Every structure is written in structure tokens, then in C-alpha cells.
Amino acid sequence: MDWIKAVFSTWYGVAYFAGFVLCAGSGAVICFKPKLNKFVISINSAPKPIFQVLVLTAIIVGGVFLYAIYGVVSFQHYASIEKATVSDSDEVTYLINKLTENPDEEQKAIFELERMKQDAIPYIVGHLGDTRPLANPEFLLLNPPEVKFEKYAHLGAANIHGALVFILHWSVRSELPRPPLELAAPISESKQQWVSWCHQQYPRYASACDGL
């Protein structure tokens, strides 16, 4: 099941499970103490009451401590994800707006968009269909490492949509029709292909794929 995979995919998920087992075990000992004493301590050496209290206290404190670790780390983890998501959205929008300012800013923005991490891809897809003209219809993209003979690809597009199509193909190497074949199709058709692909690859970011 997905939730089980999620719980055991990280060390703090394991800590959570261990804390749950310890707390559940300590609760069972408290509720069924007379019957469980012989399993906790040897039958031939029954512990003194104060020792039993110390053992139970240690188990409970240990379980609560592990719960606390899981809670703090989980909060930091998901807070960082949320922060990164908001940052990616804002940064993509900012860079795309730069494409219309002047040729220098456009080229800088294209390189920055190309370098952004994969989590930013849905936000780039969400901006497809933007027909604002580029400051300069000609621009460069870094060629992949396997292309040895030339560092940059010299490309051209009439508008932001076209530039983003090139950036997406350079970033994810999808199986969608390659430009310029894709750019010959209607913009709405090109966008819908990418949105459908984005939904499959990034189901958690479906709203970003559709456009914010």
C-alpha cells in the first residue's frame, strides 16, 4: 500500500513506527500487567514494583521522544517542499516575464529556466500558450553533454510558447513530437499534449500543469 511505502521510505518514518510500537507495547503492559509480567522479566526473578515503574516510564518516554522526532522532522520536510513549490512558481513566472524585456535579459532567463530543477517543469508547462513576442526571436540553449561539437544550440521562436517548447524538450527529452515539427501545429494542440504528459509525470502538480 502507498501509505506503508511512504512510512518506511525515510528514517523518520521508521522512527514513527518504532515509537508507535513502543507506546502500544507500554500500554499493553500497563493494561495487562499481571499476565505480561512473566514475558517482560524472567519468571524466576520477579522485579520489584519500583523497577517495573522505571521500565514502563523508560518505554513511554522513549516512544514519546521518537514521536517528537518524527513530528519535528516531518514538519520541516513538508514545509521545505511547500516553500520550494511556491518559490518555483514565482521564479518561473518572473523569468518568463523577462523573456519580453530585452535580448540580454531574455537570454539570461532562458538559461535560468533551462537550469531549473525538475520540480519546476509543471510550472513551465502551465505557461504554455503565452503568445507574447520574445524580445529576440533568436536564442541559445546549452546542448546536452553528449553533443561534443558545439556547446550551444542556436534556436529561434516567435513567441514565449515556442521558447518554452524548446526549453521543455531540452530539459525532459519527452517523446512528444520534436520541434520544429511541434511548433508547426496549432498552439492549443501543442499545449494540450504537454499538459497531458505533465499530468502523467507530475500528478501532484496537476493544477500547475493546467496553468496557475
C-alpha atoms as a PDB file:
ATOM      1  CA  MET A   1       0.000   0.000   0.000  1.00  0.00           C
ATOM      2  CA  ASP A   2       1.157   3.559  -0.759  1.00  0.00           C
ATOM      3  CA  TRP A   3       0.996   4.798   2.826  1.00  0.00           C
ATOM      4  CA  ILE A   4       3.140   1.898   4.036  1.00  0.00           C
ATOM      5  CA  LYS A   5       5.759   2.679   1.378  1.00  0.00           C
ATOM      6  CA  ALA A   6       5.664   6.337   2.406  1.00  0.00           C
ATOM      7  CA  VAL A   7       6.117   5.499   6.090  1.00  0.00           C
ATOM      8  CA  PHE A   8       9.131   3.258   5.520  1.00  0.00           C
ATOM      9  CA  SER A   9      10.731   5.370   2.757  1.00  0.00           C
ATOM     10  CA  THR A  10      12.526   7.627   5.257  1.00  0.00           C
ATOM     11  CA  TRP A  11      14.313   7.156   8.558  1.00  0.00           C
ATOM     12  CA  TYR A  12      11.850   9.350  10.413  1.00  0.00           C
ATOM     13  CA  GLY A  13       9.027   7.172   9.093  1.00  0.00           C
ATOM     14  CA  VAL A  14      10.735   4.185  10.686  1.00  0.00           C
ATOM     15  CA  ALA A  15      11.165   6.224  13.878  1.00  0.00           C
ATOM     16  CA  TYR A  16       7.441   6.938  13.848  1.00  0.00           C
ATOM     17  CA  PHE A  17       6.635   3.238  13.506  1.00  0.00           C
ATOM     18  CA  ALA A  18       9.099   2.305  16.265  1.00  0.00           C
ATOM     19  CA  GLY A  19       7.561   4.915  18.555  1.00  0.00           C
ATOM     20  CA  PHE A  20       4.105   3.573  17.822  1.00  0.00           C
ATOM     21  CA  VAL A  21       5.199   0.022  18.672  1.00  0.00           C
ATOM     22  CA  LEU A  22       6.878   1.140  21.902  1.00  0.00           C
ATOM     23  CA  CYS A  23       3.899   3.175  23.048  1.00  0.00           C
ATOM     24  CA  ALA A  24       1.449   0.442  22.113  1.00  0.00           C
ATOM     25  CA  GLY A  25       3.616  -2.094  23.918  1.00  0.00           C
ATOM     26  CA  SER A  26       3.841   0.023  27.038  1.00  0.00           C
ATOM     27  CA  GLY A  27       0.070   0.465  27.008  1.00  0.00           C
ATOM     28  CA  ALA A  28      -0.409  -3.279  26.780  1.00  0.00           C
ATOM     29  CA  VAL A  29       1.960  -3.823  29.703  1.00  0.00           C
ATOM     30  CA  ILE A  30       0.041  -1.327  31.830  1.00  0.00           C
ATOM     31  CA  CYS A  31      -3.373  -2.809  30.960  1.00  0.00           C
ATOM     32  CA  PHE A  32      -2.404  -6.458  31.233  1.00  0.00           C
ATOM     33  CA  LYS A  33       0.403  -6.182  33.746  1.00  0.00           C
ATOM     34  CA  PRO A  34      -0.379  -9.342  35.774  1.00  0.00           C
ATOM     35  CA  LYS A  35      -0.324 -11.576  32.708  1.00  0.00           C
ATOM     36  CA  LEU A  36       2.535  -9.917  30.898  1.00  0.00           C
ATOM     37  CA  ASN A  37       4.991  -9.652  33.772  1.00  0.00           C
ATOM     38  CA  LYS A  38       6.334 -13.114  33.093  1.00  0.00           C
ATOM     39  CA  PHE A  39       7.135 -12.132  29.495  1.00  0.00           C
ATOM     40  CA  VAL A  40       8.792  -8.843  30.416  1.00  0.00           C
ATOM     41  CA  ILE A  41      11.008 -10.198  33.188  1.00  0.00           C
ATOM     42  CA  SER A  42      12.058 -13.753  33.952  1.00  0.00           C
ATOM     43  CA  ILE A  43       9.523 -15.770  35.945  1.00  0.00           C
ATOM     44  CA  ASN A  44      12.154 -16.800  38.451  1.00  0.00           C
ATOM     45  CA  SER A  45      13.169 -13.226  39.258  1.00  0.00           C
ATOM     46  CA  ALA A  46      10.067 -11.113  39.540  1.00  0.00           C
ATOM     47  CA  PRO A  47      11.022  -7.412  39.629  1.00  0.00           C
ATOM     48  CA  LYS A  48      10.332  -5.037  42.431  1.00  0.00           C
ATOM     49  CA  PRO A  49       7.487  -2.548  41.835  1.00  0.00           C
ATOM     50  CA  ILE A  50       9.882   0.389  41.567  1.00  0.00           C
ATOM     51  CA  PHE A  51      11.828  -1.392  38.829  1.00  0.00           C
ATOM     52  CA  GLN A  52       8.621  -2.067  36.897  1.00  0.00           C
ATOM     53  CA  VAL A  53       7.698   1.595  37.114  1.00  0.00           C
ATOM     54  CA  LEU A  54      11.123   2.646  35.833  1.00  0.00           C
ATOM     55  CA  VAL A  55      10.927   0.217  32.898  1.00  0.00           C
ATOM     56  CA  LEU A  56       7.453   1.393  31.916  1.00  0.00           C
ATOM     57  CA  THR A  57       8.473   5.031  32.284  1.00  0.00           C
ATOM     58  CA  ALA A  58      11.508   4.482  30.064  1.00  0.00           C
ATOM     59  CA  ILE A  59       9.375   2.803  27.395  1.00  0.00           C
ATOM     60  CA  ILE A  60       6.782   5.589  27.422  1.00  0.00           C
ATOM     61  CA  VAL A  61       9.370   8.381  27.381  1.00  0.00           C
ATOM     62  CA  GLY A  62      11.256   6.659  24.562  1.00  0.00           C
ATOM     63  CA  GLY A  63       8.088   6.332  22.497  1.00  0.00           C
ATOM     64  CA  VAL A  64       7.115   9.963  23.055  1.00  0.00           C
ATOM     65  CA  PHE A  65      10.648  11.075  22.159  1.00  0.00           C
ATOM     66  CA  LEU A  66      10.540   9.183  18.869  1.00  0.00           C
ATOM     67  CA  TYR A  67       7.120  10.655  18.123  1.00  0.00           C
ATOM     68  CA  ALA A  68       8.558  14.116  18.770  1.00  0.00           C
ATOM     69  CA  ILE A  69      11.482  13.492  16.417  1.00  0.00           C
ATOM     70  CA  TYR A  70       9.134  12.320  13.699  1.00  0.00           C
ATOM     71  CA  GLY A  71       6.846  15.309  14.172  1.00  0.00           C
ATOM     72  CA  VAL A  72       9.633  17.892  14.019  1.00  0.00           C
ATOM     73  CA  VAL A  73      11.434  16.360  11.047  1.00  0.00           C
ATOM     74  CA  SER A  74       8.180  15.754   9.149  1.00  0.00           C
ATOM     75  CA  PHE A  75       7.122  19.349   9.669  1.00  0.00           C
ATOM     76  CA  GLN A  76      10.473  20.633   8.395  1.00  0.00           C
ATOM     77  CA  HIS A  77      10.380  18.245   5.438  1.00  0.00           C
ATOM     78  CA  TYR A  78       6.898  19.179   4.225  1.00  0.00           C
ATOM     79  CA  ALA A  79       7.423  22.855   4.995  1.00  0.00           C
ATOM     80  CA  SER A  80      10.521  22.816   2.783  1.00  0.00           C
ATOM     81  CA  ILE A  81       8.523  21.142  -0.004  1.00  0.00           C
ATOM     82  CA  GLU A  82       5.816  23.781   0.226  1.00  0.00           C
ATOM     83  CA  LYS A  83       8.400  26.561   0.289  1.00  0.00           C
ATOM     84  CA  ALA A  84      10.186  25.119  -2.743  1.00  0.00           C
ATOM     85  CA  THR A  85       6.889  24.784  -4.620  1.00  0.00           C
ATOM     86  CA  VAL A  86       5.917  28.407  -4.044  1.00  0.00           C
ATOM     87  CA  SER A  87       9.432  29.537  -4.936  1.00  0.00           C
ATOM     88  CA  ASP A  88       9.432  27.533  -8.186  1.00  0.00           C
ATOM     89  CA  SER A  89       6.101  29.021  -9.239  1.00  0.00           C
ATOM     90  CA  ASP A  90       7.183  32.588  -8.557  1.00  0.00           C
ATOM     91  CA  GLU A  91      10.602  32.153 -10.135  1.00  0.00           C
ATOM     92  CA  VAL A  92       9.202  30.622 -13.328  1.00  0.00           C
ATOM     93  CA  THR A  93       6.719  33.471 -13.690  1.00  0.00           C
ATOM     94  CA  TYR A  94       9.436  36.056 -13.053  1.00  0.00           C
ATOM     95  CA  LEU A  95      11.807  34.516 -15.615  1.00  0.00           C
ATOM     96  CA  ILE A  96       9.122  34.126 -18.262  1.00  0.00           C
ATOM     97  CA  ASN A  97       8.226  37.779 -17.948  1.00  0.00           C
ATOM     98  CA  LYS A  98      11.907  38.576 -18.523  1.00  0.00           C
ATOM     99  CA  LEU A  99      11.680  36.983 -21.980  1.00  0.00           C
ATOM    100  CA  THR A 100       9.888  40.056 -23.296  1.00  0.00           C
ATOM    101  CA  GLU A 101      12.145  42.781 -21.883  1.00  0.00           C
ATOM    102  CA  ASN A 102      15.332  42.917 -23.968  1.00  0.00           C
ATOM    103  CA  PRO A 103      17.627  40.392 -25.712  1.00  0.00           C
ATOM    104  CA  ASP A 104      20.163  40.208 -22.883  1.00  0.00           C
ATOM    105  CA  GLU A 105      17.568  39.618 -20.162  1.00  0.00           C
ATOM    106  CA  GLU A 106      15.794  37.131 -22.405  1.00  0.00           C
ATOM    107  CA  GLN A 107      18.910  35.013 -22.884  1.00  0.00           C
ATOM    108  CA  LYS A 108      19.737  35.062 -19.171  1.00  0.00           C
ATOM    109  CA  ALA A 109      16.189  33.998 -18.338  1.00  0.00           C
ATOM    110  CA  ILE A 110      16.293  31.152 -20.869  1.00  0.00           C
ATOM    111  CA  PHE A 111      19.491  29.781 -19.352  1.00  0.00           C
ATOM    112  CA  GLU A 112      17.963  30.043 -15.864  1.00  0.00           C
ATOM    113  CA  LEU A 113      14.792  28.249 -16.962  1.00  0.00           C
ATOM    114  CA  GLU A 114      16.886  25.531 -18.550  1.00  0.00           C
ATOM    115  CA  ARG A 115      18.855  25.044 -15.316  1.00  0.00           C
ATOM    116  CA  MET A 116      15.838  24.849 -13.013  1.00  0.00           C
ATOM    117  CA  LYS A 117      15.216  21.546 -11.259  1.00  0.00           C
ATOM    118  CA  GLN A 118      12.609  19.055 -12.399  1.00  0.00           C
ATOM    119  CA  ASP A 119      10.018  20.238  -9.858  1.00  0.00           C
ATOM    120  CA  ALA A 120       9.752  23.450 -11.859  1.00  0.00           C
ATOM    121  CA  ILE A 121       8.679  21.671 -15.064  1.00  0.00           C
ATOM    122  CA  PRO A 122       4.919  21.710 -14.274  1.00  0.00           C
ATOM    123  CA  TYR A 123       5.038  25.484 -13.814  1.00  0.00           C
ATOM    124  CA  ILE A 124       6.784  25.914 -17.164  1.00  0.00           C
ATOM    125  CA  VAL A 125       4.128  23.721 -18.799  1.00  0.00           C
ATOM    126  CA  GLY A 126       1.477  25.879 -17.145  1.00  0.00           C
ATOM    127  CA  HIS A 127       2.759  28.909 -19.059  1.00  0.00           C
ATOM    128  CA  LEU A 128       2.488  27.282 -22.473  1.00  0.00           C
ATOM    129  CA  GLY A 129       0.103  29.115 -24.773  1.00  0.00           C
ATOM    130  CA  ASP A 130       1.622  32.505 -23.927  1.00  0.00           C
ATOM    131  CA  THR A 131       1.804  34.224 -27.312  1.00  0.00           C
ATOM    132  CA  ARG A 132       3.654  37.361 -26.223  1.00  0.00           C
ATOM    133  CA  PRO A 133       6.557  38.026 -28.596  1.00  0.00           C
ATOM    134  CA  LEU A 134      10.107  37.421 -27.441  1.00  0.00           C
ATOM    135  CA  ALA A 135      12.480  40.335 -27.121  1.00  0.00           C
ATOM    136  CA  ASN A 136      14.692  38.492 -29.602  1.00  0.00           C
ATOM    137  CA  PRO A 137      13.336  35.590 -31.707  1.00  0.00           C
ATOM    138  CA  GLU A 138      16.816  34.008 -31.753  1.00  0.00           C
ATOM    139  CA  PHE A 139      18.310  32.483 -28.598  1.00  0.00           C
ATOM    140  CA  LEU A 140      20.703  29.829 -27.298  1.00  0.00           C
ATOM    141  CA  LEU A 141      20.249  26.683 -25.229  1.00  0.00           C
ATOM    142  CA  LEU A 142      23.021  24.585 -23.708  1.00  0.00           C
ATOM    143  CA  ASN A 143      23.467  21.368 -25.642  1.00  0.00           C
ATOM    144  CA  PRO A 144      23.429  18.108 -23.647  1.00  0.00           C
ATOM    145  CA  PRO A 145      26.840  16.623 -22.698  1.00  0.00           C
ATOM    146  CA  GLU A 146      26.662  14.011 -25.454  1.00  0.00           C
ATOM    147  CA  VAL A 147      26.808  16.778 -28.060  1.00  0.00           C
ATOM    148  CA  LYS A 148      30.561  17.317 -28.274  1.00  0.00           C
ATOM    149  CA  PHE A 149      30.951  19.502 -31.329  1.00  0.00           C
ATOM    150  CA  GLU A 150      29.056  22.576 -30.125  1.00  0.00           C
ATOM    151  CA  LYS A 151      28.287  23.931 -26.656  1.00  0.00           C
ATOM    152  CA  TYR A 152      25.128  25.814 -27.613  1.00  0.00           C
ATOM    153  CA  ALA A 153      22.152  25.125 -29.836  1.00  0.00           C
ATOM    154  CA  HIS A 154      21.133  28.151 -31.917  1.00  0.00           C
ATOM    155  CA  LEU A 155      17.340  28.243 -31.926  1.00  0.00           C
ATOM    156  CA  GLY A 156      14.509  30.551 -32.790  1.00  0.00           C
ATOM    157  CA  ALA A 157      10.868  31.101 -31.913  1.00  0.00           C
ATOM    158  CA  ALA A 158       8.367  33.888 -32.473  1.00  0.00           C
ATOM    159  CA  ASN A 159       6.823  33.891 -29.012  1.00  0.00           C
ATOM    160  CA  ILE A 160       7.113  32.691 -25.409  1.00  0.00           C
ATOM    161  CA  HIS A 161       5.221  29.486 -26.170  1.00  0.00           C
ATOM    162  CA  GLY A 162       7.803  28.493 -28.765  1.00  0.00           C
ATOM    163  CA  ALA A 163      10.737  29.234 -26.474  1.00  0.00           C
ATOM    164  CA  LEU A 164       9.189  27.188 -23.665  1.00  0.00           C
ATOM    165  CA  VAL A 165       8.605  24.249 -26.011  1.00  0.00           C
ATOM    166  CA  PHE A 166      12.328  24.203 -26.803  1.00  0.00           C
ATOM    167  CA  ILE A 167      13.239  24.523 -23.108  1.00  0.00           C
ATOM    168  CA  LEU A 168      10.945  21.643 -22.168  1.00  0.00           C
ATOM    169  CA  HIS A 169      12.339  19.373 -24.867  1.00  0.00           C
ATOM    170  CA  TRP A 170      15.890  20.217 -23.797  1.00  0.00           C
ATOM    171  CA  SER A 171      15.028  19.614 -20.124  1.00  0.00           C
ATOM    172  CA  VAL A 172      12.985  16.408 -20.141  1.00  0.00           C
ATOM    173  CA  ARG A 173      13.609  14.753 -23.522  1.00  0.00           C
ATOM    174  CA  SER A 174       9.965  13.729 -23.793  1.00  0.00           C
ATOM    175  CA  GLU A 175       8.607  11.517 -26.557  1.00  0.00           C
ATOM    176  CA  LEU A 176       6.339  14.274 -27.849  1.00  0.00           C
ATOM    177  CA  PRO A 177       6.901  15.482 -31.436  1.00  0.00           C
ATOM    178  CA  ARG A 178      10.195  17.321 -31.641  1.00  0.00           C
ATOM    179  CA  PRO A 179      10.376  20.990 -32.562  1.00  0.00           C
ATOM    180  CA  PRO A 180      10.096  22.461 -35.139  1.00  0.00           C
ATOM    181  CA  LEU A 181       7.505  19.803 -36.028  1.00  0.00           C
ATOM    182  CA  GLU A 182       5.581  20.569 -32.847  1.00  0.00           C
ATOM    183  CA  LEU A 183       5.741  24.319 -33.444  1.00  0.00           C
ATOM    184  CA  ALA A 184       4.094  23.805 -36.829  1.00  0.00           C
ATOM    185  CA  ALA A 185       0.978  22.540 -35.034  1.00  0.00           C
ATOM    186  CA  PRO A 186      -1.616  24.892 -33.506  1.00  0.00           C
ATOM    187  CA  ILE A 187      -0.525  26.291 -30.142  1.00  0.00           C
ATOM    188  CA  SER A 188      -3.582  24.856 -28.387  1.00  0.00           C
ATOM    189  CA  GLU A 189      -2.740  21.357 -29.646  1.00  0.00           C
ATOM    190  CA  SER A 190       0.895  21.683 -28.610  1.00  0.00           C
ATOM    191  CA  LYS A 191      -0.094  22.883 -25.155  1.00  0.00           C
ATOM    192  CA  GLN A 192      -2.643  20.099 -24.652  1.00  0.00           C
ATOM    193  CA  GLN A 193      -0.025  17.452 -25.478  1.00  0.00           C
ATOM    194  CA  TRP A 194       2.320  18.845 -22.863  1.00  0.00           C
ATOM    195  CA  VAL A 195      -0.439  19.231 -20.261  1.00  0.00           C
ATOM    196  CA  SER A 196      -1.469  15.580 -20.725  1.00  0.00           C
ATOM    197  CA  TRP A 197       2.160  14.494 -20.419  1.00  0.00           C
ATOM    198  CA  CYS A 198       2.585  16.682 -17.339  1.00  0.00           C
ATOM    199  CA  HIS A 199      -0.460  15.136 -15.630  1.00  0.00           C
ATOM    200  CA  GLN A 200       1.066  11.686 -16.069  1.00  0.00           C
ATOM    201  CA  GLN A 201       4.551  12.657 -14.919  1.00  0.00           C
ATOM    202  CA  TYR A 202       3.574  15.057 -12.113  1.00  0.00           C
ATOM    203  CA  PRO A 203       0.100  14.026 -10.847  1.00  0.00           C
ATOM    204  CA  ARG A 204       0.583  16.008  -7.609  1.00  0.00           C
ATOM    205  CA  TYR A 205       1.101  19.191  -9.643  1.00  0.00           C
ATOM    206  CA  ALA A 206      -1.859  18.835 -11.999  1.00  0.00           C
ATOM    207  CA  SER A 207      -3.134  22.342 -11.265  1.00  0.00           C
ATOM    208  CA  ALA A 208       0.304  23.779 -12.091  1.00  0.00           C
ATOM    209  CA  CYS A 209       0.329  21.845 -15.367  1.00  0.00           C
ATOM    210  CA  ASP A 210      -3.027  23.351 -16.308  1.00  0.00           C
ATOM    211  CA  GLY A 211      -1.774  26.863 -15.644  1.00  0.00           C
ATOM    212  CA  LEU A 212      -1.948  28.896 -12.426  1.00  0.00           C
END
